[in-house]
């Protein structure tokens, strides 16, 4: 397992019995974290860990828990990359396209001020972690929405989301392209590794 990259999408565990309603439901959140801990602790070839799916409005307690998580990873030889929370459509993205019985499509553009709001709400976490763990890198995955004065959930005539939560295949490819471009100058050594998703 040389040069591995792990991605992790559950929040830091707050207690032994987390109550959540997402894919990290019930004790799966704690089990996943313990499993990753064992990989990080015993598989010294893991060089990078990407943390995604974080709360877009982190509290001070949340930030402190994340900082301890990063400490653990760094103390075991890993480098952390945090994906900022991505903007999601608050509607069915299928409505962005016309259909035989619907001749008018929803306007799926949004102003960059929404992106600024996300970033400003997440900024306390970025500032805190940048001080306590200066080797941690932050990737803004919302770049792919905004190429002009407007942002959109549609790019090149294709949807970036398949539903309100999940990226489409096209959206995943576009996000990967943006990440590769970012990594090529921020952390080029990651481009020569294998990617495992947990």
C-alpha atoms as a PDB file:
ATOM      1  CA  UNK A   1       0.000   0.000   0.000  1.00  0.00           C
ATOM      2  CA  UNK A   2       2.600   2.562  -1.002  1.00  0.00           C
ATOM      3  CA  UNK A   3       1.715   6.220  -1.362  1.00  0.00           C
ATOM      4  CA  UNK A   4      -1.979   5.948  -0.532  1.00  0.00           C
ATOM      5  CA  UNK A   5      -4.524   8.732  -0.230  1.00  0.00           C
ATOM      6  CA  UNK A   6      -7.609   8.255   1.963  1.00  0.00           C
ATOM      7  CA  UNK A   7     -10.723  10.392   1.876  1.00  0.00           C
ATOM      8  CA  UNK A   8     -13.046  10.615   4.849  1.00  0.00           C
ATOM      9  CA  UNK A   9     -16.518  12.177   4.822  1.00  0.00           C
ATOM     10  CA  UNK A  10     -17.892  11.891   8.355  1.00  0.00           C
ATOM     11  CA  UNK A  11     -17.706  14.668  10.921  1.00  0.00           C
ATOM     12  CA  UNK A  12     -15.366  14.257  13.906  1.00  0.00           C
ATOM     13  CA  UNK A  13     -17.019  12.024  16.515  1.00  0.00           C
ATOM     14  CA  UNK A  14     -18.432  14.077  19.377  1.00  0.00           C
ATOM     15  CA  UNK A  15     -19.371  11.168  21.640  1.00  0.00           C
ATOM     16  CA  UNK A  16     -19.574   7.403  21.702  1.00  0.00           C
ATOM     17  CA  UNK A  17     -23.202   7.397  20.473  1.00  0.00           C
ATOM     18  CA  UNK A  18     -23.472  10.013  17.724  1.00  0.00           C
ATOM     19  CA  UNK A  19     -27.007  10.737  16.560  1.00  0.00           C
ATOM     20  CA  UNK A  20     -26.935  11.760  12.918  1.00  0.00           C
ATOM     21  CA  UNK A  21     -29.226  11.383   9.940  1.00  0.00           C
ATOM     22  CA  UNK A  22     -26.731  11.064   7.078  1.00  0.00           C
ATOM     23  CA  UNK A  23     -24.572   8.276   5.683  1.00  0.00           C
ATOM     24  CA  UNK A  24     -22.611   8.258   8.938  1.00  0.00           C
ATOM     25  CA  UNK A  25     -25.754   7.228  10.849  1.00  0.00           C
ATOM     26  CA  UNK A  26     -25.592   5.666  14.311  1.00  0.00           C
ATOM     27  CA  UNK A  27     -22.428   3.895  15.400  1.00  0.00           C
ATOM     28  CA  UNK A  28     -21.115   3.716  11.823  1.00  0.00           C
ATOM     29  CA  UNK A  29     -19.540   7.144  12.336  1.00  0.00           C
ATOM     30  CA  UNK A  30     -17.479   5.922  15.299  1.00  0.00           C
ATOM     31  CA  UNK A  31     -16.660   2.589  13.613  1.00  0.00           C
ATOM     32  CA  UNK A  32     -15.445   4.362  10.496  1.00  0.00           C
ATOM     33  CA  UNK A  33     -13.263   6.705  12.512  1.00  0.00           C
ATOM     34  CA  UNK A  34     -11.755   3.809  14.502  1.00  0.00           C
ATOM     35  CA  UNK A  35     -11.117   1.867  11.302  1.00  0.00           C
ATOM     36  CA  UNK A  36      -9.342   4.851   9.753  1.00  0.00           C
ATOM     37  CA  UNK A  37      -7.373   5.352  12.979  1.00  0.00           C
ATOM     38  CA  UNK A  38      -6.040   1.814  12.700  1.00  0.00           C
ATOM     39  CA  UNK A  39      -5.088   2.320   9.052  1.00  0.00           C
ATOM     40  CA  UNK A  40      -3.305   5.576   9.820  1.00  0.00           C
ATOM     41  CA  UNK A  41      -1.570   4.152  12.885  1.00  0.00           C
ATOM     42  CA  UNK A  42      -0.362   0.887  11.332  1.00  0.00           C
ATOM     43  CA  UNK A  43      -0.025   1.660   7.620  1.00  0.00           C
ATOM     44  CA  UNK A  44       2.823   4.136   7.535  1.00  0.00           C
ATOM     45  CA  UNK A  45       2.700   4.414   3.742  1.00  0.00           C
ATOM     46  CA  UNK A  46      -0.489   6.527   3.882  1.00  0.00           C
ATOM     47  CA  UNK A  47       0.755  10.003   3.072  1.00  0.00           C
ATOM     48  CA  UNK A  48      -2.397  12.068   2.530  1.00  0.00           C
ATOM     49  CA  UNK A  49      -5.865  12.127   4.047  1.00  0.00           C
ATOM     50  CA  UNK A  50      -8.614  14.218   2.465  1.00  0.00           C
ATOM     51  CA  UNK A  51     -11.379  15.301   4.835  1.00  0.00           C
ATOM     52  CA  UNK A  52     -14.643  16.270   3.145  1.00  0.00           C
ATOM     53  CA  UNK A  53     -18.268  16.738   4.190  1.00  0.00           C
ATOM     54  CA  UNK A  54     -17.552  19.086   7.088  1.00  0.00           C
ATOM     55  CA  UNK A  55     -20.169  21.318   8.698  1.00  0.00           C
ATOM     56  CA  UNK A  56     -20.549  24.599   6.804  1.00  0.00           C
ATOM     57  CA  UNK A  57     -21.183  26.448  10.114  1.00  0.00           C
ATOM     58  CA  UNK A  58     -18.625  24.920  12.507  1.00  0.00           C
ATOM     59  CA  UNK A  59     -18.857  25.678  16.210  1.00  0.00           C
ATOM     60  CA  UNK A  60     -15.790  26.159  18.404  1.00  0.00           C
ATOM     61  CA  UNK A  61     -16.293  22.654  19.852  1.00  0.00           C
ATOM     62  CA  UNK A  62     -16.502  21.203  16.348  1.00  0.00           C
ATOM     63  CA  UNK A  63     -13.289  23.000  15.324  1.00  0.00           C
ATOM     64  CA  UNK A  64     -11.509  21.741  18.436  1.00  0.00           C
ATOM     65  CA  UNK A  65     -12.530  18.133  17.705  1.00  0.00           C
ATOM     66  CA  UNK A  66     -11.326  18.457  14.125  1.00  0.00           C
ATOM     67  CA  UNK A  67      -8.024  19.898  15.322  1.00  0.00           C
ATOM     68  CA  UNK A  68      -7.471  16.857  17.565  1.00  0.00           C
ATOM     69  CA  UNK A  69      -8.256  14.613  14.584  1.00  0.00           C
ATOM     70  CA  UNK A  70      -5.680  16.431  12.467  1.00  0.00           C
ATOM     71  CA  UNK A  71      -3.124  16.168  15.303  1.00  0.00           C
ATOM     72  CA  UNK A  72      -3.622  12.397  15.346  1.00  0.00           C
ATOM     73  CA  UNK A  73      -3.146  12.130  11.581  1.00  0.00           C
ATOM     74  CA  UNK A  74      -0.067  14.365  11.535  1.00  0.00           C
ATOM     75  CA  UNK A  75       1.504  12.582  14.507  1.00  0.00           C
ATOM     76  CA  UNK A  76       1.251   9.384  12.468  1.00  0.00           C
ATOM     77  CA  UNK A  77       2.951  10.828   9.403  1.00  0.00           C
ATOM     78  CA  UNK A  78      -0.071  11.900   7.335  1.00  0.00           C
ATOM     79  CA  UNK A  79      -0.773  15.204   5.611  1.00  0.00           C
ATOM     80  CA  UNK A  80      -4.326  16.568   5.757  1.00  0.00           C
ATOM     81  CA  UNK A  81      -6.226  18.230   2.931  1.00  0.00           C
ATOM     82  CA  UNK A  82      -9.602  19.726   3.853  1.00  0.00           C
ATOM     83  CA  UNK A  83     -12.278  20.274   1.216  1.00  0.00           C
ATOM     84  CA  UNK A  84     -14.386  23.314   2.066  1.00  0.00           C
ATOM     85  CA  UNK A  85     -18.150  22.566   2.236  1.00  0.00           C
ATOM     86  CA  UNK A  86     -19.675  22.594  -1.223  1.00  0.00           C
ATOM     87  CA  UNK A  87     -22.762  24.524  -2.192  1.00  0.00           C
ATOM     88  CA  UNK A  88     -25.731  22.300  -2.972  1.00  0.00           C
ATOM     89  CA  UNK A  89     -28.888  23.104  -4.909  1.00  0.00           C
ATOM     90  CA  UNK A  90     -31.959  23.517  -2.707  1.00  0.00           C
ATOM     91  CA  UNK A  91     -34.114  22.104  -5.500  1.00  0.00           C
ATOM     92  CA  UNK A  92     -34.183  19.134  -7.858  1.00  0.00           C
ATOM     93  CA  UNK A  93     -31.439  19.859 -10.430  1.00  0.00           C
ATOM     94  CA  UNK A  94     -33.542  18.096 -13.065  1.00  0.00           C
ATOM     95  CA  UNK A  95     -35.621  21.283 -13.079  1.00  0.00           C
ATOM     96  CA  UNK A  96     -32.691  23.041 -14.759  1.00  0.00           C
ATOM     97  CA  UNK A  97     -33.650  21.330 -18.015  1.00  0.00           C
ATOM     98  CA  UNK A  98     -36.731  21.392 -20.189  1.00  0.00           C
ATOM     99  CA  UNK A  99     -38.868  18.289 -20.712  1.00  0.00           C
ATOM    100  CA  UNK A 100     -41.627  17.457 -23.158  1.00  0.00           C
ATOM    101  CA  UNK A 101     -44.297  18.676 -20.714  1.00  0.00           C
ATOM    102  CA  UNK A 102     -42.184  21.496 -19.244  1.00  0.00           C
ATOM    103  CA  UNK A 103     -40.942  23.990 -21.791  1.00  0.00           C
ATOM    104  CA  UNK A 104     -39.410  26.403 -19.275  1.00  0.00           C
ATOM    105  CA  UNK A 105     -36.362  25.364 -17.286  1.00  0.00           C
ATOM    106  CA  UNK A 106     -35.412  26.754 -13.890  1.00  0.00           C
ATOM    107  CA  UNK A 107     -32.582  29.288 -13.900  1.00  0.00           C
ATOM    108  CA  UNK A 108     -29.808  27.407 -12.117  1.00  0.00           C
ATOM    109  CA  UNK A 109     -27.423  30.328 -11.782  1.00  0.00           C
ATOM    110  CA  UNK A 110     -26.619  31.928  -8.447  1.00  0.00           C
ATOM    111  CA  UNK A 111     -24.631  34.960  -7.368  1.00  0.00           C
ATOM    112  CA  UNK A 112     -21.066  34.614  -6.022  1.00  0.00           C
ATOM    113  CA  UNK A 113     -22.330  36.138  -2.774  1.00  0.00           C
ATOM    114  CA  UNK A 114     -23.652  32.667  -1.828  1.00  0.00           C
ATOM    115  CA  UNK A 115     -20.173  31.241  -2.305  1.00  0.00           C
ATOM    116  CA  UNK A 116     -18.754  34.115  -0.218  1.00  0.00           C
ATOM    117  CA  UNK A 117     -21.281  33.328   2.534  1.00  0.00           C
ATOM    118  CA  UNK A 118     -20.175  29.678   2.656  1.00  0.00           C
ATOM    119  CA  UNK A 119     -16.528  30.667   2.806  1.00  0.00           C
ATOM    120  CA  UNK A 120     -17.079  33.340   5.472  1.00  0.00           C
ATOM    121  CA  UNK A 121     -18.997  30.897   7.692  1.00  0.00           C
ATOM    122  CA  UNK A 122     -16.197  28.341   7.330  1.00  0.00           C
ATOM    123  CA  UNK A 123     -13.402  30.889   7.770  1.00  0.00           C
ATOM    124  CA  UNK A 124     -13.118  30.540  11.589  1.00  0.00           C
ATOM    125  CA  UNK A 125     -12.214  26.867  11.066  1.00  0.00           C
ATOM    126  CA  UNK A 126      -9.676  27.720   8.346  1.00  0.00           C
ATOM    127  CA  UNK A 127      -8.066  30.428  10.483  1.00  0.00           C
ATOM    128  CA  UNK A 128      -7.896  28.264  13.600  1.00  0.00           C
ATOM    129  CA  UNK A 129      -6.505  25.171  11.888  1.00  0.00           C
ATOM    130  CA  UNK A 130      -4.060  27.254   9.857  1.00  0.00           C
ATOM    131  CA  UNK A 131      -2.552  28.418  13.171  1.00  0.00           C
ATOM    132  CA  UNK A 132      -2.600  25.129  15.087  1.00  0.00           C
ATOM    133  CA  UNK A 133      -1.758  22.882  12.114  1.00  0.00           C
ATOM    134  CA  UNK A 134      -0.064  25.054   9.474  1.00  0.00           C
ATOM    135  CA  UNK A 135       0.731  22.077   7.213  1.00  0.00           C
ATOM    136  CA  UNK A 136      -2.990  21.465   6.616  1.00  0.00           C
ATOM    137  CA  UNK A 137      -4.146  22.509   3.149  1.00  0.00           C
ATOM    138  CA  UNK A 138      -7.604  23.759   2.141  1.00  0.00           C
ATOM    139  CA  UNK A 139      -9.201  23.132  -1.247  1.00  0.00           C
ATOM    140  CA  UNK A 140     -12.210  25.241  -2.246  1.00  0.00           C
ATOM    141  CA  UNK A 141     -14.357  22.845  -4.232  1.00  0.00           C
ATOM    142  CA  UNK A 142     -16.839  25.627  -5.064  1.00  0.00           C
ATOM    143  CA  UNK A 143     -14.462  26.943  -7.724  1.00  0.00           C
ATOM    144  CA  UNK A 144     -16.087  24.703 -10.308  1.00  0.00           C
ATOM    145  CA  UNK A 145     -19.404  26.570 -10.077  1.00  0.00           C
ATOM    146  CA  UNK A 146     -18.076  30.064 -10.683  1.00  0.00           C
ATOM    147  CA  UNK A 147     -16.276  31.007 -13.887  1.00  0.00           C
ATOM    148  CA  UNK A 148     -17.864  34.413 -14.572  1.00  0.00           C
ATOM    149  CA  UNK A 149     -19.748  37.013 -12.532  1.00  0.00           C
ATOM    150  CA  UNK A 150     -22.387  34.315 -11.931  1.00  0.00           C
ATOM    151  CA  UNK A 151     -22.165  30.782 -10.623  1.00  0.00           C
ATOM    152  CA  UNK A 152     -24.245  27.847 -11.839  1.00  0.00           C
ATOM    153  CA  UNK A 153     -25.148  24.243 -11.150  1.00  0.00           C
ATOM    154  CA  UNK A 154     -24.908  23.716 -14.934  1.00  0.00           C
ATOM    155  CA  UNK A 155     -21.614  23.665 -16.820  1.00  0.00           C
ATOM    156  CA  UNK A 156     -21.173  23.205 -20.564  1.00  0.00           C
ATOM    157  CA  UNK A 157     -24.870  22.364 -20.748  1.00  0.00           C
ATOM    158  CA  UNK A 158     -24.531  19.464 -18.288  1.00  0.00           C
ATOM    159  CA  UNK A 159     -25.694  19.137 -14.651  1.00  0.00           C
ATOM    160  CA  UNK A 160     -23.102  19.213 -11.881  1.00  0.00           C
ATOM    161  CA  UNK A 161     -25.554  17.467  -9.496  1.00  0.00           C
ATOM    162  CA  UNK A 162     -27.697  14.368  -9.961  1.00  0.00           C
ATOM    163  CA  UNK A 163     -29.902  15.266  -6.991  1.00  0.00           C
ATOM    164  CA  UNK A 164     -29.930  17.795  -4.153  1.00  0.00           C
ATOM    165  CA  UNK A 165     -26.946  16.186  -2.410  1.00  0.00           C
ATOM    166  CA  UNK A 166     -24.787  14.173  -4.804  1.00  0.00           C
ATOM    167  CA  UNK A 167     -22.617  15.341  -7.666  1.00  0.00           C
ATOM    168  CA  UNK A 168     -23.385  13.907 -11.075  1.00  0.00           C
ATOM    169  CA  UNK A 169     -20.753  11.838 -12.857  1.00  0.00           C
ATOM    170  CA  UNK A 170     -19.920  14.944 -14.892  1.00  0.00           C
ATOM    171  CA  UNK A 171     -19.729  17.036 -11.703  1.00  0.00           C
ATOM    172  CA  UNK A 172     -17.341  14.520 -10.130  1.00  0.00           C
ATOM    173  CA  UNK A 173     -15.106  14.653 -13.202  1.00  0.00           C
ATOM    174  CA  UNK A 174     -15.100  18.459 -13.156  1.00  0.00           C
ATOM    175  CA  UNK A 175     -14.290  18.505  -9.434  1.00  0.00           C
ATOM    176  CA  UNK A 176     -11.417  16.063 -10.018  1.00  0.00           C
ATOM    177  CA  UNK A 177     -10.042  18.287 -12.796  1.00  0.00           C
ATOM    178  CA  UNK A 178     -10.116  21.304 -10.508  1.00  0.00           C
ATOM    179  CA  UNK A 179      -8.439  19.331  -7.728  1.00  0.00           C
ATOM    180  CA  UNK A 180      -5.660  18.089 -10.027  1.00  0.00           C
ATOM    181  CA  UNK A 181      -5.021  21.632 -11.241  1.00  0.00           C
ATOM    182  CA  UNK A 182      -4.916  22.920  -7.644  1.00  0.00           C
ATOM    183  CA  UNK A 183      -2.714  20.038  -6.451  1.00  0.00           C
ATOM    184  CA  UNK A 184      -0.263  20.468  -9.329  1.00  0.00           C
ATOM    185  CA  UNK A 185       1.080  23.638  -7.709  1.00  0.00           C
ATOM    186  CA  UNK A 186       0.020  23.204  -4.051  1.00  0.00           C
ATOM    187  CA  UNK A 187       1.049  19.590  -3.456  1.00  0.00           C
ATOM    188  CA  UNK A 188       2.297  17.970  -6.690  1.00  0.00           C
ATOM    189  CA  UNK A 189       3.541  14.821  -4.943  1.00  0.00           C
ATOM    190  CA  UNK A 190      -0.055  13.705  -4.384  1.00  0.00           C
ATOM    191  CA  UNK A 191      -0.543  13.284  -8.134  1.00  0.00           C
ATOM    192  CA  UNK A 192       1.809  10.284  -8.094  1.00  0.00           C
ATOM    193  CA  UNK A 193      -0.222   8.335  -5.544  1.00  0.00           C
ATOM    194  CA  UNK A 194      -3.188   5.978  -5.559  1.00  0.00           C
ATOM    195  CA  UNK A 195      -6.574   7.186  -4.281  1.00  0.00           C
ATOM    196  CA  UNK A 196      -8.687   5.091  -1.908  1.00  0.00           C
ATOM    197  CA  UNK A 197     -12.092   6.377  -0.790  1.00  0.00           C
ATOM    198  CA  UNK A 198     -13.441   5.381   2.628  1.00  0.00           C
END
